[in-house]
């Protein structure tokens, strides 16, 4: 079977930003790129640095993560902490939440979660709240976060230079359980059979959980 794949590339000569750390595509078709040089929008032809027509400003020009909810808009997480939500040019800032935002995840009910260097956070449609011992979540950074196809929330907790724990939250519950301890991993992904794989895996160390 012959499969033809088209491929285009853009560089800084075309206006593409340097040092992109995060990407997301909003439901209006725009691709958003973030990094230490700010937020940029790509329409398939050109890149434009973000500027609100209402004069709204982001908390910082140093972005670390993005999430585009299916319902529209764009969540923005910053390297040095804080969240913003961008929708139709309007920016709502949530300052004061400490810690770099390593990633977002959203469940089908619209609840947004964030893994940060200060811990796990949850947005309940109105405000961000830190998730702690009441959810059976220990203190510490969250390196990676995401929902699998069964709506199970996974969170990899720990530092880049320390052993990490892999936690999970079943749908409809508020009590995280531990799937793995003392892992050498920094990120995770899923296999088709829903096995959770953490990466990188050091020989002799089993970094996987069900």
N, C-alpha and C. Protein backbone atom coordinates (compact mmCIF):
# COMPACT_ATOMS: atom_id res chain seq x y z
N UNK A 1 0.84 -1.18 0.00
CA UNK A 1 0.00 0.00 0.00
C UNK A 1 0.88 1.24 0.00
N UNK A 2 0.63 2.10 -0.94
CA UNK A 2 1.37 3.36 -1.02
C UNK A 2 0.69 4.42 -0.17
N UNK A 3 1.42 4.98 0.76
CA UNK A 3 0.88 6.03 1.61
C UNK A 3 1.71 7.28 1.40
N UNK A 4 1.07 8.34 1.00
CA UNK A 4 1.76 9.60 0.80
C UNK A 4 1.46 10.54 1.97
N UNK A 5 2.50 11.06 2.53
CA UNK A 5 2.37 11.94 3.68
C UNK A 5 2.98 13.30 3.34
N UNK A 6 2.18 14.34 3.49
CA UNK A 6 2.69 15.68 3.26
C UNK A 6 3.40 16.21 4.49
N UNK A 7 4.44 16.97 4.29
CA UNK A 7 5.20 17.51 5.42
C UNK A 7 5.65 18.92 5.10
N UNK A 8 5.30 19.85 5.96
CA UNK A 8 5.75 21.23 5.85
C UNK A 8 6.54 21.59 7.10
N UNK A 9 7.43 22.53 6.98
CA UNK A 9 8.21 22.97 8.13
C UNK A 9 8.33 24.49 8.12
N UNK A 10 8.45 25.03 9.32
CA UNK A 10 8.60 26.47 9.49
C UNK A 10 9.74 26.72 10.46
N UNK A 11 10.48 27.78 10.24
CA UNK A 11 11.58 28.14 11.11
C UNK A 11 11.38 29.57 11.59
N UNK A 12 12.34 30.05 12.37
CA UNK A 12 12.24 31.42 12.87
C UNK A 12 12.20 32.43 11.72
N UNK A 13 12.72 32.04 10.55
CA UNK A 13 12.66 32.93 9.39
C UNK A 13 11.23 33.17 8.93
N UNK A 14 10.37 32.20 9.25
CA UNK A 14 8.95 32.32 8.91
C UNK A 14 8.13 32.91 10.06
N UNK A 15 8.81 33.31 11.12
CA UNK A 15 8.12 33.88 12.27
C UNK A 15 7.83 32.89 13.38
N UNK A 16 8.28 31.64 13.21
CA UNK A 16 8.05 30.63 14.25
C UNK A 16 8.87 30.98 15.49
N UNK A 17 8.28 30.84 16.67
CA UNK A 17 9.02 31.16 17.89
C UNK A 17 10.09 30.13 18.18
N UNK A 18 11.12 30.54 18.87
CA UNK A 18 12.18 29.63 19.28
C UNK A 18 11.83 29.02 20.64
N UNK A 19 12.42 27.86 20.92
CA UNK A 19 12.29 27.23 22.24
C UNK A 19 10.83 26.99 22.63
N UNK A 20 10.09 26.29 21.79
CA UNK A 20 8.71 25.95 22.09
C UNK A 20 8.67 24.80 23.09
N UNK A 21 7.97 24.98 24.20
CA UNK A 21 7.86 23.94 25.21
C UNK A 21 6.48 23.30 25.26
N UNK A 22 5.46 23.91 24.64
CA UNK A 22 4.12 23.36 24.71
C UNK A 22 3.31 23.76 23.48
N UNK A 23 2.37 22.87 23.10
CA UNK A 23 1.52 23.08 21.94
C UNK A 23 0.09 22.71 22.30
N UNK A 24 -0.88 23.37 21.68
CA UNK A 24 -2.28 22.99 21.83
C UNK A 24 -3.06 23.59 20.68
N UNK A 25 -4.10 22.86 20.23
CA UNK A 25 -4.96 23.36 19.17
C UNK A 25 -6.35 23.58 19.72
N UNK A 26 -6.83 24.81 19.67
CA UNK A 26 -8.16 25.14 20.17
C UNK A 26 -9.23 24.74 19.16
N UNK A 27 -10.48 24.69 19.62
CA UNK A 27 -11.54 24.16 18.77
C UNK A 27 -11.92 25.07 17.61
N UNK A 28 -11.30 26.26 17.54
CA UNK A 28 -11.50 27.13 16.38
C UNK A 28 -10.46 26.87 15.30
N UNK A 29 -9.58 25.88 15.52
CA UNK A 29 -8.60 25.49 14.51
C UNK A 29 -7.23 26.10 14.67
N UNK A 30 -7.08 27.10 15.53
CA UNK A 30 -5.77 27.73 15.70
C UNK A 30 -4.84 26.82 16.52
N UNK A 31 -3.57 26.83 16.13
CA UNK A 31 -2.53 26.14 16.89
C UNK A 31 -1.81 27.17 17.74
N UNK A 32 -1.65 26.84 19.03
CA UNK A 32 -0.99 27.75 19.97
C UNK A 32 0.33 27.15 20.41
N UNK A 33 1.36 27.98 20.48
CA UNK A 33 2.70 27.56 20.87
C UNK A 33 3.16 28.43 22.03
N UNK A 34 3.70 27.78 23.06
CA UNK A 34 4.18 28.53 24.21
C UNK A 34 5.60 28.14 24.56
N UNK A 35 6.27 29.03 25.25
CA UNK A 35 7.64 28.78 25.68
C UNK A 35 8.18 29.98 26.43
N UNK A 36 9.49 30.04 26.59
CA UNK A 36 10.09 31.15 27.36
C UNK A 36 9.99 32.50 26.67
N UNK A 37 9.53 32.50 25.42
CA UNK A 37 9.41 33.76 24.69
C UNK A 37 7.96 34.20 24.53
N UNK A 38 7.04 33.55 25.25
CA UNK A 38 5.66 33.99 25.21
C UNK A 38 4.74 33.01 24.49
N UNK A 39 3.54 33.51 24.16
CA UNK A 39 2.49 32.72 23.52
C UNK A 39 2.30 33.20 22.09
N UNK A 40 2.23 32.23 21.16
CA UNK A 40 2.07 32.55 19.75
C UNK A 40 0.90 31.76 19.17
N UNK A 41 0.22 32.35 18.18
CA UNK A 41 -0.88 31.69 17.49
C UNK A 41 -0.49 31.46 16.03
N UNK A 42 -0.81 30.24 15.55
CA UNK A 42 -0.49 29.88 14.17
C UNK A 42 -1.78 29.51 13.45
N UNK A 43 -2.04 30.14 12.30
CA UNK A 43 -3.29 29.90 11.58
C UNK A 43 -3.10 28.99 10.37
N UNK A 44 -1.94 28.35 10.27
CA UNK A 44 -1.63 27.50 9.13
C UNK A 44 -0.74 28.18 8.12
N UNK A 45 -0.60 29.49 8.26
CA UNK A 45 0.22 30.27 7.34
C UNK A 45 1.25 31.12 8.06
N UNK A 46 0.81 31.77 9.13
CA UNK A 46 1.73 32.69 9.81
C UNK A 46 1.59 32.58 11.32
N UNK A 47 2.64 33.02 12.00
CA UNK A 47 2.70 33.02 13.46
C UNK A 47 2.51 34.45 13.95
N UNK A 48 1.71 34.58 15.00
CA UNK A 48 1.50 35.90 15.59
C UNK A 48 1.66 35.80 17.09
N UNK A 49 2.46 36.70 17.69
CA UNK A 49 2.51 36.74 19.15
C UNK A 49 1.16 37.16 19.70
N UNK A 50 0.77 36.57 20.81
CA UNK A 50 -0.55 36.86 21.36
C UNK A 50 -0.63 38.29 21.86
N UNK A 51 -1.75 38.91 21.53
CA UNK A 51 -2.08 40.22 22.05
C UNK A 51 -3.58 40.31 22.19
N UNK A 52 -4.07 40.60 23.38
CA UNK A 52 -5.50 40.66 23.60
C UNK A 52 -6.08 41.94 23.00
N UNK A 53 -7.16 41.84 22.24
CA UNK A 53 -7.80 43.06 21.71
C UNK A 53 -8.42 43.91 22.81
N UNK A 54 -8.53 43.35 24.00
CA UNK A 54 -9.10 44.08 25.14
C UNK A 54 -8.03 44.65 26.07
N UNK A 55 -6.76 44.43 25.70
CA UNK A 55 -5.67 44.91 26.54
C UNK A 55 -5.34 44.01 27.70
N UNK A 56 -5.97 42.82 27.77
CA UNK A 56 -5.65 41.87 28.85
C UNK A 56 -4.22 41.37 28.70
N UNK A 57 -3.59 41.07 29.82
CA UNK A 57 -2.21 40.60 29.80
C UNK A 57 -2.09 39.26 30.50
N UNK A 58 -1.17 38.44 30.02
CA UNK A 58 -0.86 37.18 30.67
C UNK A 58 -0.03 37.45 31.92
N UNK A 59 0.05 36.46 32.80
CA UNK A 59 0.83 36.63 34.03
C UNK A 59 2.32 36.72 33.75
N UNK A 60 2.76 36.06 32.67
CA UNK A 60 4.19 35.99 32.38
C UNK A 60 4.37 35.69 30.90
N UNK A 61 5.57 35.91 30.41
CA UNK A 61 5.91 35.51 29.05
C UNK A 61 6.68 34.20 29.02
N UNK A 62 6.79 33.53 30.17
CA UNK A 62 7.52 32.27 30.27
C UNK A 62 6.51 31.15 30.51
N UNK A 63 6.09 30.47 29.44
CA UNK A 63 5.05 29.45 29.50
C UNK A 63 5.66 28.05 29.54
N UNK A 64 4.98 27.15 30.27
CA UNK A 64 5.46 25.78 30.40
C UNK A 64 4.47 24.75 29.88
N UNK A 65 3.16 25.04 29.93
CA UNK A 65 2.16 24.05 29.51
C UNK A 65 0.91 24.72 29.00
N UNK A 66 0.19 24.01 28.12
CA UNK A 66 -1.06 24.48 27.54
C UNK A 66 -2.07 23.34 27.51
N UNK A 67 -3.35 23.69 27.60
CA UNK A 67 -4.45 22.73 27.44
C UNK A 67 -5.59 23.43 26.72
N UNK A 68 -6.08 22.80 25.65
CA UNK A 68 -7.22 23.33 24.91
C UNK A 68 -8.43 22.46 25.19
N UNK A 69 -9.35 22.87 26.06
CA UNK A 69 -10.54 22.07 26.36
C UNK A 69 -11.43 21.93 25.13
N UNK A 70 -12.14 20.80 24.99
CA UNK A 70 -13.05 20.62 23.85
C UNK A 70 -14.12 21.70 23.78
N UNK A 71 -14.50 22.26 24.92
CA UNK A 71 -15.55 23.29 24.96
C UNK A 71 -15.06 24.65 24.48
N UNK A 72 -13.74 24.79 24.29
CA UNK A 72 -13.19 26.05 23.82
C UNK A 72 -12.28 26.71 24.82
N UNK A 73 -11.51 27.66 24.36
CA UNK A 73 -10.58 28.38 25.22
C UNK A 73 -9.25 27.66 25.35
N UNK A 74 -8.37 28.24 26.13
CA UNK A 74 -7.01 27.73 26.29
C UNK A 74 -6.53 27.97 27.72
N UNK A 75 -6.15 26.89 28.39
CA UNK A 75 -5.50 27.00 29.70
C UNK A 75 -4.00 27.17 29.50
N UNK A 76 -3.42 28.05 30.30
CA UNK A 76 -1.99 28.37 30.20
C UNK A 76 -1.35 28.17 31.57
N UNK A 77 -0.25 27.43 31.60
CA UNK A 77 0.51 27.25 32.83
C UNK A 77 1.90 27.84 32.68
N UNK A 78 2.39 28.46 33.73
CA UNK A 78 3.65 29.20 33.65
C UNK A 78 4.80 28.48 34.35
N UNK A 79 6.00 28.79 33.88
CA UNK A 79 7.21 28.17 34.43
C UNK A 79 7.39 28.50 35.90
N UNK A 80 7.01 29.70 36.29
CA UNK A 80 7.23 30.13 37.67
C UNK A 80 5.92 30.23 38.45
N UNK A 81 4.88 29.56 37.97
CA UNK A 81 3.64 29.46 38.73
C UNK A 81 2.52 30.33 38.22
N UNK A 82 1.30 29.89 38.51
CA UNK A 82 0.11 30.62 38.12
C UNK A 82 -0.55 30.03 36.89
N UNK A 83 -1.84 30.33 36.74
CA UNK A 83 -2.64 29.84 35.63
C UNK A 83 -3.35 31.01 34.96
N UNK A 84 -3.64 30.84 33.67
CA UNK A 84 -4.48 31.78 32.94
C UNK A 84 -5.42 31.00 32.04
N UNK A 85 -6.60 31.57 31.80
CA UNK A 85 -7.53 30.99 30.84
C UNK A 85 -7.83 32.05 29.79
N UNK A 86 -7.57 31.70 28.54
CA UNK A 86 -7.76 32.61 27.41
C UNK A 86 -8.97 32.14 26.61
N UNK A 87 -9.92 33.03 26.38
CA UNK A 87 -11.12 32.67 25.61
C UNK A 87 -11.61 33.89 24.85
N UNK A 88 -11.57 33.77 23.53
CA UNK A 88 -12.05 34.86 22.65
C UNK A 88 -11.37 36.19 22.95
N UNK A 89 -10.08 36.11 23.20
CA UNK A 89 -9.29 37.31 23.43
C UNK A 89 -9.26 37.78 24.87
N UNK A 90 -10.16 37.27 25.69
CA UNK A 90 -10.21 37.65 27.10
C UNK A 90 -9.32 36.73 27.92
N UNK A 91 -8.59 37.30 28.87
CA UNK A 91 -7.69 36.54 29.73
C UNK A 91 -8.16 36.64 31.18
N UNK A 92 -8.34 35.48 31.81
CA UNK A 92 -8.61 35.43 33.25
C UNK A 92 -7.38 34.84 33.92
N UNK A 93 -6.77 35.60 34.81
CA UNK A 93 -5.55 35.17 35.49
C UNK A 93 -5.85 34.65 36.89
N UNK A 94 -5.12 33.61 37.25
CA UNK A 94 -5.20 33.04 38.60
C UNK A 94 -3.79 33.06 39.16
N UNK A 95 -3.44 34.19 39.75
CA UNK A 95 -2.10 34.39 40.28
C UNK A 95 -2.02 33.86 41.70
N UNK A 96 -0.79 33.69 42.17
CA UNK A 96 -0.58 33.32 43.55
C UNK A 96 -0.46 31.82 43.78
N UNK A 97 -0.89 31.00 42.78
CA UNK A 97 -0.71 29.56 42.91
C UNK A 97 0.75 29.24 42.61
N UNK A 98 1.51 28.80 43.61
CA UNK A 98 2.95 28.65 43.42
C UNK A 98 3.31 27.41 42.61
N UNK A 99 4.47 27.44 42.03
CA UNK A 99 5.02 26.27 41.37
C UNK A 99 4.81 26.27 39.87
N UNK A 100 5.85 25.82 39.15
CA UNK A 100 5.75 25.70 37.71
C UNK A 100 4.71 24.66 37.33
N UNK A 101 3.92 24.94 36.30
CA UNK A 101 2.83 24.05 35.88
C UNK A 101 3.36 23.08 34.83
N UNK A 102 3.61 21.83 35.25
CA UNK A 102 4.20 20.84 34.35
C UNK A 102 3.20 20.26 33.36
N UNK A 103 1.91 20.33 33.67
CA UNK A 103 0.94 19.79 32.74
C UNK A 103 -0.48 19.90 33.25
N UNK A 104 -1.44 19.81 32.30
CA UNK A 104 -2.86 19.84 32.60
C UNK A 104 -3.51 18.53 32.17
N UNK A 105 -4.68 18.25 32.74
CA UNK A 105 -5.53 17.15 32.29
C UNK A 105 -6.97 17.53 32.59
N UNK A 106 -7.89 17.12 31.70
CA UNK A 106 -9.30 17.44 31.91
C UNK A 106 -10.14 16.18 31.72
N UNK A 107 -11.08 15.95 32.67
CA UNK A 107 -11.96 14.80 32.54
C UNK A 107 -13.22 15.18 31.75
N UNK A 108 -14.03 14.21 31.35
CA UNK A 108 -15.22 14.52 30.55
C UNK A 108 -16.22 15.44 31.25
N UNK A 109 -16.14 15.55 32.57
CA UNK A 109 -17.04 16.44 33.30
C UNK A 109 -16.58 17.89 33.28
N UNK A 110 -15.43 18.13 32.66
CA UNK A 110 -14.93 19.49 32.55
C UNK A 110 -14.02 19.93 33.68
N UNK A 111 -13.79 19.06 34.67
CA UNK A 111 -12.88 19.40 35.76
C UNK A 111 -11.44 19.36 35.25
N UNK A 112 -10.71 20.43 35.48
CA UNK A 112 -9.32 20.52 35.01
C UNK A 112 -8.38 20.27 36.19
N UNK A 113 -7.37 19.46 35.95
CA UNK A 113 -6.34 19.17 36.94
C UNK A 113 -5.01 19.71 36.44
N UNK A 114 -4.12 20.03 37.35
CA UNK A 114 -2.80 20.52 36.97
C UNK A 114 -1.74 19.90 37.88
N UNK A 115 -0.68 19.44 37.28
CA UNK A 115 0.47 18.96 38.03
C UNK A 115 1.54 20.04 38.06
N UNK A 116 1.94 20.44 39.24
CA UNK A 116 2.89 21.55 39.37
C UNK A 116 4.04 21.16 40.29
N UNK A 117 5.04 22.01 40.34
CA UNK A 117 6.17 21.75 41.22
C UNK A 117 5.79 21.93 42.69
N UNK A 118 4.59 22.50 42.94
CA UNK A 118 4.13 22.65 44.32
C UNK A 118 3.08 21.59 44.68
N UNK A 119 2.74 20.70 43.73
CA UNK A 119 1.78 19.65 44.03
C UNK A 119 0.69 19.55 42.99
N UNK A 120 -0.39 18.88 43.37
CA UNK A 120 -1.52 18.64 42.48
C UNK A 120 -2.61 19.67 42.75
N UNK A 121 -3.19 20.22 41.66
CA UNK A 121 -4.21 21.25 41.77
C UNK A 121 -5.44 20.84 40.97
N UNK A 122 -6.61 21.36 41.37
CA UNK A 122 -7.88 21.02 40.74
C UNK A 122 -8.73 22.28 40.58
N UNK A 123 -9.29 22.47 39.38
CA UNK A 123 -10.13 23.62 39.09
C UNK A 123 -11.58 23.15 38.99
N UNK A 124 -12.43 23.65 39.88
CA UNK A 124 -13.81 23.17 39.98
C UNK A 124 -14.81 24.11 39.31
N UNK A 125 -14.41 24.67 38.16
CA UNK A 125 -15.24 25.60 37.38
C UNK A 125 -15.23 27.03 37.92
N UNK A 126 -14.64 27.25 39.09
CA UNK A 126 -14.63 28.61 39.62
C UNK A 126 -13.28 29.00 40.22
N UNK A 127 -12.59 28.06 40.85
CA UNK A 127 -11.30 28.40 41.45
C UNK A 127 -10.40 27.18 41.52
N UNK A 128 -9.10 27.47 41.62
CA UNK A 128 -8.10 26.42 41.76
C UNK A 128 -7.92 26.07 43.23
N UNK A 129 -7.83 24.78 43.52
CA UNK A 129 -7.59 24.32 44.88
C UNK A 129 -6.49 23.26 44.87
N UNK A 130 -5.62 23.34 45.86
CA UNK A 130 -4.58 22.32 45.99
C UNK A 130 -5.20 21.02 46.50
N UNK A 131 -4.79 19.92 45.91
CA UNK A 131 -5.27 18.60 46.32
C UNK A 131 -4.21 17.97 47.22
N UNK A 132 -4.63 17.60 48.44
CA UNK A 132 -3.66 17.10 49.40
C UNK A 132 -4.10 15.84 50.11
N UNK A 133 -3.85 15.82 51.41
CA UNK A 133 -4.06 14.60 52.19
C UNK A 133 -5.52 14.16 52.18
N UNK A 134 -6.46 15.10 52.00
CA UNK A 134 -7.87 14.71 51.98
C UNK A 134 -8.20 13.82 50.78
N UNK A 135 -7.33 13.87 49.76
CA UNK A 135 -7.46 13.01 48.57
C UNK A 135 -6.42 11.88 48.60
N UNK A 136 -5.70 11.76 49.69
CA UNK A 136 -4.62 10.78 49.83
C UNK A 136 -3.46 11.08 48.87
N UNK A 137 -3.18 12.36 48.70
CA UNK A 137 -2.08 12.80 47.85
C UNK A 137 -0.98 13.38 48.73
N UNK A 138 0.22 12.80 48.69
CA UNK A 138 1.31 13.32 49.52
C UNK A 138 1.82 14.66 49.00
N UNK A 139 2.48 15.38 49.84
CA UNK A 139 3.09 16.64 49.42
C UNK A 139 4.24 16.36 48.47
N UNK A 140 4.46 17.27 47.56
CA UNK A 140 5.58 17.13 46.63
C UNK A 140 5.19 17.48 45.21
N UNK A 141 6.19 17.63 44.35
CA UNK A 141 5.93 18.01 42.96
C UNK A 141 5.22 16.90 42.18
N UNK A 142 4.51 17.32 41.13
CA UNK A 142 3.90 16.39 40.18
C UNK A 142 4.57 16.61 38.83
N UNK A 143 5.22 15.56 38.32
CA UNK A 143 5.97 15.68 37.08
C UNK A 143 5.09 15.52 35.84
N UNK A 144 4.10 14.63 35.94
CA UNK A 144 3.28 14.32 34.78
C UNK A 144 1.89 13.94 35.23
N UNK A 145 0.88 14.23 34.40
CA UNK A 145 -0.51 13.98 34.77
C UNK A 145 -1.31 13.71 33.50
N UNK A 146 -2.33 12.84 33.60
CA UNK A 146 -3.16 12.57 32.44
C UNK A 146 -4.25 11.56 32.72
N UNK A 147 -5.31 11.59 31.89
CA UNK A 147 -6.41 10.64 31.96
C UNK A 147 -6.22 9.57 30.91
N UNK A 148 -6.52 8.30 31.26
CA UNK A 148 -6.50 7.25 30.26
C UNK A 148 -7.89 7.08 29.66
N UNK A 149 -8.06 6.08 28.78
CA UNK A 149 -9.32 5.90 28.07
C UNK A 149 -10.45 5.46 28.98
N UNK A 150 -10.13 5.00 30.19
CA UNK A 150 -11.14 4.60 31.16
C UNK A 150 -11.45 5.71 32.15
N UNK A 151 -10.98 6.93 31.85
CA UNK A 151 -11.21 8.11 32.69
C UNK A 151 -10.51 8.00 34.05
N UNK A 152 -9.48 7.18 34.11
CA UNK A 152 -8.66 7.10 35.33
C UNK A 152 -7.60 8.19 35.26
N UNK A 153 -7.47 8.96 36.32
CA UNK A 153 -6.46 10.02 36.38
C UNK A 153 -5.17 9.46 36.95
N UNK A 154 -4.07 9.69 36.25
CA UNK A 154 -2.75 9.23 36.69
C UNK A 154 -1.86 10.43 36.99
N UNK A 155 -1.06 10.32 38.03
CA UNK A 155 -0.13 11.39 38.39
C UNK A 155 1.19 10.79 38.84
N UNK A 156 2.27 11.28 38.26
CA UNK A 156 3.61 10.85 38.63
C UNK A 156 4.20 11.90 39.55
N UNK A 157 4.45 11.52 40.80
CA UNK A 157 4.87 12.47 41.81
C UNK A 157 6.33 12.27 42.20
N UNK A 158 7.02 13.38 42.41
CA UNK A 158 8.41 13.33 42.83
C UNK A 158 9.23 14.37 42.09
N UNK A 159 10.54 14.33 42.29
CA UNK A 159 11.43 15.27 41.65
C UNK A 159 12.20 14.64 40.51
N UNK A 160 12.89 15.47 39.74
CA UNK A 160 13.67 14.96 38.61
C UNK A 160 14.88 14.15 39.08
N UNK A 161 15.33 14.38 40.30
CA UNK A 161 16.51 13.70 40.79
C UNK A 161 16.21 12.76 41.94
N UNK A 162 14.93 12.42 42.13
CA UNK A 162 14.56 11.54 43.24
C UNK A 162 13.63 10.44 42.72
N UNK A 163 13.53 9.32 43.45
CA UNK A 163 12.57 8.28 43.07
C UNK A 163 11.14 8.84 43.14
N UNK A 164 10.28 8.30 42.27
CA UNK A 164 8.94 8.85 42.14
C UNK A 164 7.86 7.81 42.40
N UNK A 165 6.66 8.28 42.70
CA UNK A 165 5.50 7.42 42.92
C UNK A 165 4.47 7.67 41.83
N UNK A 166 3.83 6.59 41.37
CA UNK A 166 2.77 6.69 40.39
C UNK A 166 1.43 6.48 41.08
N UNK A 167 0.58 7.52 41.07
CA UNK A 167 -0.72 7.47 41.72
C UNK A 167 -1.83 7.43 40.67
N UNK A 168 -2.99 6.92 41.07
CA UNK A 168 -4.14 6.95 40.17
C UNK A 168 -5.42 7.18 40.96
N UNK A 169 -6.41 7.77 40.27
CA UNK A 169 -7.71 8.08 40.87
C UNK A 169 -8.80 7.50 39.98
N UNK A 170 -9.59 6.59 40.53
CA UNK A 170 -10.68 5.99 39.78
C UNK A 170 -11.81 7.00 39.60
N UNK A 171 -12.56 6.90 38.48
CA UNK A 171 -13.67 7.84 38.24
C UNK A 171 -14.70 7.80 39.37
N UNK A 172 -15.17 8.96 39.76
CA UNK A 172 -16.20 9.05 40.78
C UNK A 172 -15.72 8.90 42.20
N UNK A 173 -14.41 8.81 42.40
CA UNK A 173 -13.85 8.67 43.75
C UNK A 173 -13.02 9.90 44.09
N UNK A 174 -12.64 10.01 45.34
CA UNK A 174 -11.80 11.12 45.79
C UNK A 174 -10.66 10.61 46.67
N UNK A 175 -10.14 9.44 46.32
CA UNK A 175 -9.06 8.83 47.09
C UNK A 175 -8.05 8.20 46.12
N UNK A 176 -6.89 8.85 46.01
CA UNK A 176 -5.85 8.33 45.13
C UNK A 176 -5.24 7.06 45.72
N UNK A 177 -4.86 6.15 44.82
CA UNK A 177 -4.16 4.93 45.22
C UNK A 177 -2.80 4.90 44.54
N UNK A 178 -1.91 4.09 45.08
CA UNK A 178 -0.55 4.03 44.56
C UNK A 178 -0.38 2.80 43.67
N UNK A 179 0.11 3.04 42.45
CA UNK A 179 0.35 1.93 41.51
C UNK A 179 1.81 1.51 41.50
N UNK A 180 2.71 2.39 41.90
CA UNK A 180 4.13 2.07 41.89
C UNK A 180 4.90 3.03 42.77
N UNK A 181 5.99 2.53 43.35
CA UNK A 181 6.82 3.35 44.24
C UNK A 181 8.28 3.27 43.83
N UNK A 182 9.02 4.31 44.21
CA UNK A 182 10.47 4.36 43.98
C UNK A 182 10.82 4.14 42.51
N UNK A 183 10.06 4.78 41.63
CA UNK A 183 10.31 4.66 40.20
C UNK A 183 11.38 5.66 39.77
N UNK A 184 12.09 5.30 38.70
CA UNK A 184 13.12 6.19 38.19
C UNK A 184 12.61 7.02 37.03
N UNK A 185 11.29 7.07 36.86
CA UNK A 185 10.69 7.69 35.68
C UNK A 185 10.42 9.18 35.88
N UNK A 186 10.26 9.87 34.76
CA UNK A 186 9.93 11.29 34.76
C UNK A 186 8.62 11.57 34.02
N UNK A 187 8.18 10.66 33.15
CA UNK A 187 6.93 10.80 32.39
C UNK A 187 6.27 9.44 32.29
N UNK A 188 5.04 9.43 31.77
CA UNK A 188 4.39 8.14 31.53
C UNK A 188 3.52 8.22 30.28
N UNK A 189 3.16 7.04 29.78
CA UNK A 189 2.27 6.93 28.64
C UNK A 189 1.50 5.63 28.77
N UNK A 190 0.60 5.37 27.80
CA UNK A 190 -0.22 4.16 27.85
C UNK A 190 0.01 3.30 26.63
N UNK A 191 0.00 1.98 26.85
CA UNK A 191 -0.01 1.02 25.76
C UNK A 191 -1.46 0.75 25.36
N UNK A 192 -1.70 0.15 24.18
CA UNK A 192 -3.08 -0.14 23.76
C UNK A 192 -3.85 -1.01 24.75
N UNK A 193 -3.15 -1.87 25.51
CA UNK A 193 -3.84 -2.71 26.49
C UNK A 193 -4.04 -2.01 27.82
N UNK A 194 -3.79 -0.69 27.83
CA UNK A 194 -4.00 0.18 28.99
C UNK A 194 -2.95 -0.01 30.09
N UNK A 195 -1.87 -0.74 29.79
CA UNK A 195 -0.75 -0.76 30.72
C UNK A 195 -0.09 0.62 30.74
N UNK A 196 0.22 1.09 31.93
CA UNK A 196 0.87 2.39 32.07
C UNK A 196 2.38 2.19 32.05
N UNK A 197 3.04 2.86 31.15
CA UNK A 197 4.49 2.78 31.05
C UNK A 197 5.10 4.10 31.48
N UNK A 198 6.03 4.03 32.40
CA UNK A 198 6.75 5.22 32.82
C UNK A 198 8.11 5.22 32.14
N UNK A 199 8.61 6.41 31.79
CA UNK A 199 9.86 6.51 31.05
C UNK A 199 10.75 7.58 31.68
N UNK A 200 12.09 7.46 31.57
CA UNK A 200 12.79 6.32 31.01
C UNK A 200 12.84 5.16 32.02
N UNK A 201 13.10 3.97 31.51
CA UNK A 201 13.23 2.79 32.35
C UNK A 201 14.70 2.41 32.44
N UNK A 202 15.22 2.34 33.63
CA UNK A 202 16.60 1.96 33.85
C UNK A 202 16.67 0.44 33.95
N UNK A 203 17.63 -0.21 33.24
CA UNK A 203 17.72 -1.67 33.30
C UNK A 203 17.77 -2.18 34.73
N UNK A 204 16.98 -3.20 34.99
CA UNK A 204 16.93 -3.77 36.33
C UNK A 204 15.87 -3.16 37.22
N UNK A 205 15.20 -2.08 36.74
CA UNK A 205 14.16 -1.44 37.52
C UNK A 205 12.86 -1.53 36.75
N UNK A 206 11.81 -2.04 37.34
CA UNK A 206 10.52 -2.19 36.68
C UNK A 206 9.70 -0.94 36.92
N UNK A 207 9.54 -0.13 35.87
CA UNK A 207 8.80 1.12 35.98
C UNK A 207 7.49 1.00 35.24
N UNK A 208 6.60 0.15 35.68
CA UNK A 208 5.30 0.03 35.02
C UNK A 208 4.25 -0.24 36.06
N UNK A 209 3.02 0.13 35.73
CA UNK A 209 1.91 -0.12 36.65
C UNK A 209 0.67 -0.40 35.87
N UNK A 210 -0.28 -1.07 36.47
CA UNK A 210 -1.55 -1.37 35.82
C UNK A 210 -2.60 -0.41 36.36
